Amino acid sequence: MTDFLNHPAVQGGVAPLVVALVVALLLARSRLAWLAIIAGYLTTIALSTGFQFSPLTASRKIVLASVVAAAVGLAADIVRAQGRGLATVLALVAGASSLWIFASVLAQRQGSALYIMAAGIAAFVALLTASVQTLRADGLRTGAAGVGLGVAVGVCAIVSASIGFLLTGIALAAASGAVLLAQVVFSRAVPAGFTGAFPIAVMAGLFAAGTLTLAELPWYALPLMLLVPLAARLPVSERLPPIARAALLVFCTLVAAAFPIAAAWYAARGSLA
């Protein structure tokens, strides 16, 4: 059993999918179903690295930030805060928090390189968060964006020599897929709200930024990841059955995910040449 749980495919794919699916099915009739996203992610952390926060490295800060993002998203929906203004604030906070998360890594840079990387990471995380949050009224689109972003980050991570972000990226895709499946099973779309959209965006943004700063992801792969939430906004008929609509949206986001993956593969191929 231990060998089974230690297998990367189980830690990053099977386990988070099963846990997220159970949570999503149990809570499928409410927006709380989107707590499956953080449940799936934490399952991967529990099985892979465990919950240790001393010393507080960048990777461990990402775990903390992901949990906080899920709590903040849930709180925002509970108090029924004004969407547009709050979405902007949350995007800016997410971007600013990335500077704290990667402070120790950024400190290793000198001169203008430090400020360029810091500004680029903060802008990327803020823009991705803002973009994903525009999908929050549509559960199928948000779930599809989560699948596409998770696959993009996960595959880019393995190409860029990062097993840790491979696991967490695929876990995000698996958990998002589980929430999509729950909506299909009950033939009922559940709006993601901030409970779903905010943690998906924050996790995807930080995983990608972490692969850039801690591994070998090329910088130009980050802006290409912004294509994924844009692909989730492509027109797909509301009259289609949920399963057909979900499949089309996931297909669109996976096509968009191919662009940052291709960039990472090109960079890795060049470094080996």
Protein backbone atom coordinates (compact mmCIF):
# COMPACT_ATOMS: atom_id res chain seq x y z
CA MET A 1 0.00 0.00 0.00
CA THR A 2 2.86 2.36 0.83
CA ASP A 3 4.46 1.78 -2.57
CA PHE A 4 1.12 2.52 -4.22
CA LEU A 5 0.70 5.83 -2.37
CA ASN A 6 4.28 6.81 -3.11
CA HIS A 7 3.82 6.49 -6.86
CA PRO A 8 3.88 9.94 -8.54
CA ALA A 9 0.82 9.10 -10.67
CA VAL A 10 -1.16 8.39 -7.50
CA GLN A 11 0.11 11.42 -5.60
CA GLY A 12 -0.43 13.88 -8.41
CA GLY A 13 -3.37 12.38 -10.29
CA VAL A 14 -5.37 9.51 -8.83
CA ALA A 15 -5.50 10.58 -5.18
CA PRO A 16 -6.41 14.24 -5.73
CA LEU A 17 -8.98 13.21 -8.34
CA VAL A 18 -10.69 10.75 -5.98
CA VAL A 19 -10.68 13.10 -2.99
CA ALA A 20 -11.86 16.08 -5.03
CA LEU A 21 -14.58 14.01 -6.69
CA VAL A 22 -15.92 12.82 -3.32
CA VAL A 23 -16.00 16.39 -2.00
CA ALA A 24 -17.56 17.74 -5.20
CA LEU A 25 -20.27 15.06 -5.28
CA LEU A 26 -21.15 15.52 -1.61
CA LEU A 27 -21.44 19.29 -2.03
CA ALA A 28 -22.58 19.32 -5.66
CA ARG A 29 -25.75 21.32 -5.02
CA SER A 30 -23.91 24.33 -3.63
CA ARG A 31 -20.92 26.49 -4.42
CA LEU A 32 -19.07 24.70 -1.64
CA ALA A 33 -18.41 21.96 -4.21
CA TRP A 34 -15.48 24.13 -5.34
CA LEU A 35 -13.70 23.42 -2.07
CA ALA A 36 -12.78 20.22 -3.89
CA ILE A 37 -10.00 22.20 -5.58
CA ILE A 38 -8.08 22.86 -2.39
CA ALA A 39 -8.96 19.40 -1.06
CA GLY A 40 -7.36 17.76 -4.10
CA TYR A 41 -4.27 19.95 -3.89
CA LEU A 42 -3.74 19.33 -0.18
CA THR A 43 -4.08 15.61 -0.80
CA THR A 44 -1.09 15.78 -3.12
CA ILE A 45 0.91 17.81 -0.60
CA ALA A 46 0.08 15.33 2.18
CA LEU A 47 1.22 12.37 0.10
CA SER A 48 4.33 13.96 -1.41
CA THR A 49 6.15 16.52 0.75
CA GLY A 50 3.93 16.66 3.82
CA PHE A 51 2.99 19.76 5.80
CA GLN A 52 6.22 21.23 7.10
CA PHE A 53 6.65 24.99 7.31
CA SER A 54 10.05 25.41 8.89
CA PRO A 55 12.09 26.76 7.28
CA LEU A 56 9.50 28.74 5.34
CA THR A 57 10.78 28.22 1.81
CA ALA A 58 9.13 29.56 -1.35
CA SER A 59 7.48 26.19 -2.02
CA ARG A 60 6.02 26.08 1.48
CA LYS A 61 4.81 29.66 1.16
CA ILE A 62 2.89 28.55 -1.94
CA VAL A 63 1.06 25.93 0.15
CA LEU A 64 0.12 28.59 2.70
CA ALA A 65 -0.96 31.03 0.01
CA SER A 66 -3.15 28.38 -1.65
CA VAL A 67 -4.96 27.63 1.61
CA VAL A 68 -5.43 31.34 2.30
CA ALA A 69 -6.74 31.87 -1.25
CA ALA A 70 -9.36 29.15 -0.74
CA ALA A 71 -10.42 30.69 2.59
CA VAL A 72 -10.57 34.21 1.15
CA GLY A 73 -12.57 33.05 -1.86
CA LEU A 74 -15.08 31.26 0.37
CA ALA A 75 -15.37 34.28 2.68
CA ALA A 76 -15.95 36.59 -0.29
CA ASP A 77 -18.86 34.47 -1.48
CA ILE A 78 -20.34 34.15 2.01
CA VAL A 79 -20.46 37.90 2.55
CA ARG A 80 -21.66 38.37 -1.04
CA ALA A 81 -19.14 41.13 -1.71
CA GLN A 82 -19.35 43.25 -4.83
CA GLY A 83 -17.80 41.18 -7.60
CA ARG A 84 -16.03 43.52 -9.99
CA GLY A 85 -14.27 45.70 -7.43
CA LEU A 86 -13.35 42.78 -5.24
CA ALA A 87 -12.03 40.77 -8.19
CA THR A 88 -9.63 43.61 -9.02
CA VAL A 89 -8.47 43.90 -5.42
CA LEU A 90 -7.91 40.16 -5.14
CA ALA A 91 -5.92 40.11 -8.38
CA LEU A 92 -3.66 42.90 -7.12
CA VAL A 93 -3.23 41.20 -3.75
CA ALA A 94 -2.33 37.93 -5.47
CA GLY A 95 0.28 39.70 -7.58
CA ALA A 96 1.76 41.49 -4.57
CA SER A 97 1.83 38.29 -2.49
CA SER A 98 3.98 36.62 -5.13
CA LEU A 99 6.77 39.07 -4.24
CA TRP A 100 6.71 37.85 -0.64
CA ILE A 101 6.56 34.22 -1.71
CA PHE A 102 9.57 34.42 -4.00
CA ALA A 103 11.49 37.06 -2.03
CA SER A 104 14.35 34.71 -1.12
CA VAL A 105 14.76 33.64 -4.76
CA LEU A 106 14.48 37.16 -6.13
CA ALA A 107 17.11 38.34 -3.64
CA GLN A 108 19.66 36.21 -5.49
CA ARG A 109 19.27 38.47 -8.53
CA GLN A 110 21.22 41.67 -8.84
CA GLY A 111 20.59 45.05 -10.36
CA SER A 112 17.86 45.50 -12.95
CA ALA A 113 17.37 41.72 -13.30
CA LEU A 114 15.84 41.64 -9.81
CA TYR A 115 13.29 44.36 -10.57
CA ILE A 116 12.41 43.02 -14.01
CA MET A 117 11.76 39.51 -12.70
CA ALA A 118 9.85 40.78 -9.67
CA ALA A 119 7.62 43.03 -11.77
CA GLY A 120 7.08 40.30 -14.36
CA ILE A 121 6.04 37.68 -11.80
CA ALA A 122 3.71 40.05 -9.96
CA ALA A 123 2.09 41.20 -13.21
CA PHE A 124 1.65 37.65 -14.46
CA VAL A 125 0.02 36.38 -11.26
CA ALA A 126 -2.26 39.44 -11.09
CA LEU A 127 -3.31 39.18 -14.75
CA LEU A 128 -3.95 35.43 -14.55
CA THR A 129 -5.99 35.88 -11.38
CA ALA A 130 -8.05 38.65 -12.95
CA SER A 131 -8.63 36.62 -16.12
CA VAL A 132 -9.75 33.43 -14.38
CA GLN A 133 -12.08 35.38 -12.09
CA THR A 134 -14.00 36.67 -15.11
CA LEU A 135 -15.19 33.07 -15.57
CA ARG A 136 -16.52 32.66 -12.03
CA ALA A 137 -20.22 32.86 -12.97
CA ASP A 138 -19.88 29.78 -15.20
CA GLY A 139 -18.84 26.59 -13.43
CA LEU A 140 -18.04 24.66 -16.59
CA ARG A 141 -15.80 27.40 -17.98
CA THR A 142 -13.98 27.80 -14.66
CA GLY A 143 -13.46 24.05 -14.36
CA ALA A 144 -12.17 23.83 -17.92
CA ALA A 145 -9.74 26.67 -17.22
CA GLY A 146 -8.51 24.80 -14.15
CA VAL A 147 -7.92 21.66 -16.21
CA GLY A 148 -6.06 23.56 -18.92
CA LEU A 149 -3.93 25.55 -16.50
CA GLY A 150 -3.11 22.47 -14.44
CA VAL A 151 -2.00 20.53 -17.49
CA ALA A 152 -0.01 23.52 -18.80
CA VAL A 153 1.81 24.01 -15.50
CA GLY A 154 2.34 20.30 -14.88
CA VAL A 155 3.76 19.47 -18.30
CA CYS A 156 5.86 22.65 -18.37
CA ALA A 157 7.23 21.69 -14.97
CA ILE A 158 8.42 18.23 -16.00
CA VAL A 159 9.94 19.63 -19.18
CA SER A 160 11.65 22.28 -17.03
CA ALA A 161 13.01 19.70 -14.53
CA SER A 162 10.58 20.25 -11.64
CA ILE A 163 8.88 17.14 -10.26
CA GLY A 164 7.24 19.09 -7.42
CA PHE A 165 5.32 21.46 -9.67
CA LEU A 166 4.52 18.58 -12.02
CA LEU A 167 2.61 16.91 -9.18
CA THR A 168 0.83 20.04 -8.02
CA GLY A 169 -0.03 21.14 -11.55
CA ILE A 170 -1.57 17.79 -12.43
CA ALA A 171 -3.34 17.77 -9.06
CA LEU A 172 -4.96 21.10 -9.97
CA ALA A 173 -6.05 19.66 -13.32
CA ALA A 174 -7.41 16.50 -11.64
CA ALA A 175 -9.33 18.42 -8.98
CA SER A 176 -10.79 20.79 -11.56
CA GLY A 177 -11.77 17.81 -13.68
CA ALA A 178 -13.49 16.26 -10.66
CA VAL A 179 -15.66 19.35 -10.15
CA LEU A 180 -16.48 19.33 -13.86
CA LEU A 181 -17.48 15.67 -13.63
CA ALA A 182 -19.73 16.34 -10.65
CA GLN A 183 -21.54 19.05 -12.62
CA VAL A 184 -21.97 16.66 -15.54
CA VAL A 185 -23.27 13.85 -13.30
CA PHE A 186 -25.96 16.09 -11.83
CA SER A 187 -26.55 17.92 -15.15
CA ARG A 188 -26.27 21.15 -13.24
CA ALA A 189 -23.61 23.83 -13.60
CA VAL A 190 -22.46 25.24 -10.26
CA PRO A 191 -21.06 28.79 -10.46
CA ALA A 192 -17.50 28.79 -9.19
CA GLY A 193 -17.69 32.20 -7.59
CA PHE A 194 -14.58 33.34 -5.77
CA THR A 195 -14.56 30.01 -3.90
CA GLY A 196 -13.46 28.22 -7.06
CA ALA A 197 -11.98 30.84 -9.37
CA PHE A 198 -9.67 32.60 -6.92
CA PRO A 199 -7.73 29.55 -5.62
CA ILE A 200 -7.50 28.04 -9.12
CA ALA A 201 -5.92 31.25 -10.42
CA VAL A 202 -3.61 31.75 -7.46
CA MET A 203 -2.37 28.16 -7.47
CA ALA A 204 -1.80 28.07 -11.23
CA GLY A 205 -0.04 31.43 -11.17
CA LEU A 206 2.24 30.52 -8.28
CA PHE A 207 3.03 27.07 -9.65
CA ALA A 208 4.05 28.64 -12.97
CA ALA A 209 6.06 31.41 -11.31
CA GLY A 210 7.70 28.81 -9.08
CA THR A 211 8.73 26.75 -12.09
CA LEU A 212 10.25 29.89 -13.58
CA THR A 213 12.20 30.93 -10.50
CA LEU A 214 13.08 27.53 -9.03
CA ALA A 215 13.47 25.44 -12.20
CA GLU A 216 14.15 26.17 -15.86
CA LEU A 217 10.88 27.43 -17.32
CA PRO A 218 11.53 30.19 -19.88
CA TRP A 219 9.96 33.55 -19.07
CA TYR A 220 7.99 33.68 -22.31
CA ALA A 221 5.96 30.63 -21.28
CA LEU A 222 4.19 32.70 -18.61
CA PRO A 223 2.35 35.15 -20.89
CA LEU A 224 1.38 32.19 -23.10
CA MET A 225 -0.43 30.65 -20.12
CA LEU A 226 -2.78 33.61 -20.17
CA LEU A 227 -4.25 32.08 -23.34
CA VAL A 228 -5.85 29.28 -21.29
CA PRO A 229 -8.52 31.34 -19.48
CA LEU A 230 -9.10 33.23 -22.72
CA ALA A 231 -9.78 29.90 -24.47
CA ALA A 232 -12.30 29.06 -21.76
CA ARG A 233 -14.26 32.15 -22.83
CA LEU A 234 -14.70 30.99 -26.43
CA PRO A 235 -18.37 30.79 -27.49
CA VAL A 236 -19.89 27.38 -26.77
CA SER A 237 -23.66 27.01 -27.08
CA GLU A 238 -25.54 27.06 -23.78
CA ARG A 239 -28.06 24.67 -25.33
CA LEU A 240 -25.62 21.79 -25.44
CA PRO A 241 -25.83 19.11 -22.72
CA PRO A 242 -23.39 19.76 -19.86
CA ILE A 243 -21.17 16.83 -20.89
CA ALA A 244 -20.79 18.11 -24.46
CA ARG A 245 -20.24 21.68 -23.33
CA ALA A 246 -17.66 20.63 -20.75
CA ALA A 247 -15.82 18.47 -23.29
CA LEU A 248 -15.64 21.31 -25.82
CA LEU A 249 -14.41 23.81 -23.25
CA VAL A 250 -11.74 21.43 -21.95
CA PHE A 251 -10.62 20.79 -25.53
CA CYS A 252 -10.27 24.55 -26.09
CA THR A 253 -8.21 25.05 -22.92
CA LEU A 254 -5.97 22.08 -23.71
CA VAL A 255 -5.25 23.50 -27.16
CA ALA A 256 -4.31 26.79 -25.49
CA ALA A 257 -2.17 24.90 -22.96
CA ALA A 258 -0.14 23.49 -25.84
CA PHE A 259 1.41 26.92 -26.46
CA PRO A 260 3.26 27.35 -23.12
CA ILE A 261 4.13 23.64 -23.21
CA ALA A 262 5.68 24.09 -26.66
CA ALA A 263 7.64 27.09 -25.37
CA ALA A 264 8.99 25.07 -22.44
CA TRP A 265 9.89 22.16 -24.71
CA TYR A 266 11.64 24.46 -27.17
CA ALA A 267 13.69 26.03 -24.37
CA ALA A 268 14.62 22.62 -22.93
CA ARG A 269 15.61 21.33 -26.36
CA GLY A 270 17.78 24.39 -26.91
CA SER A 271 19.55 23.92 -23.58
CA LEU A 272 20.41 20.34 -24.51
CA ALA A 273 21.70 21.22 -27.96
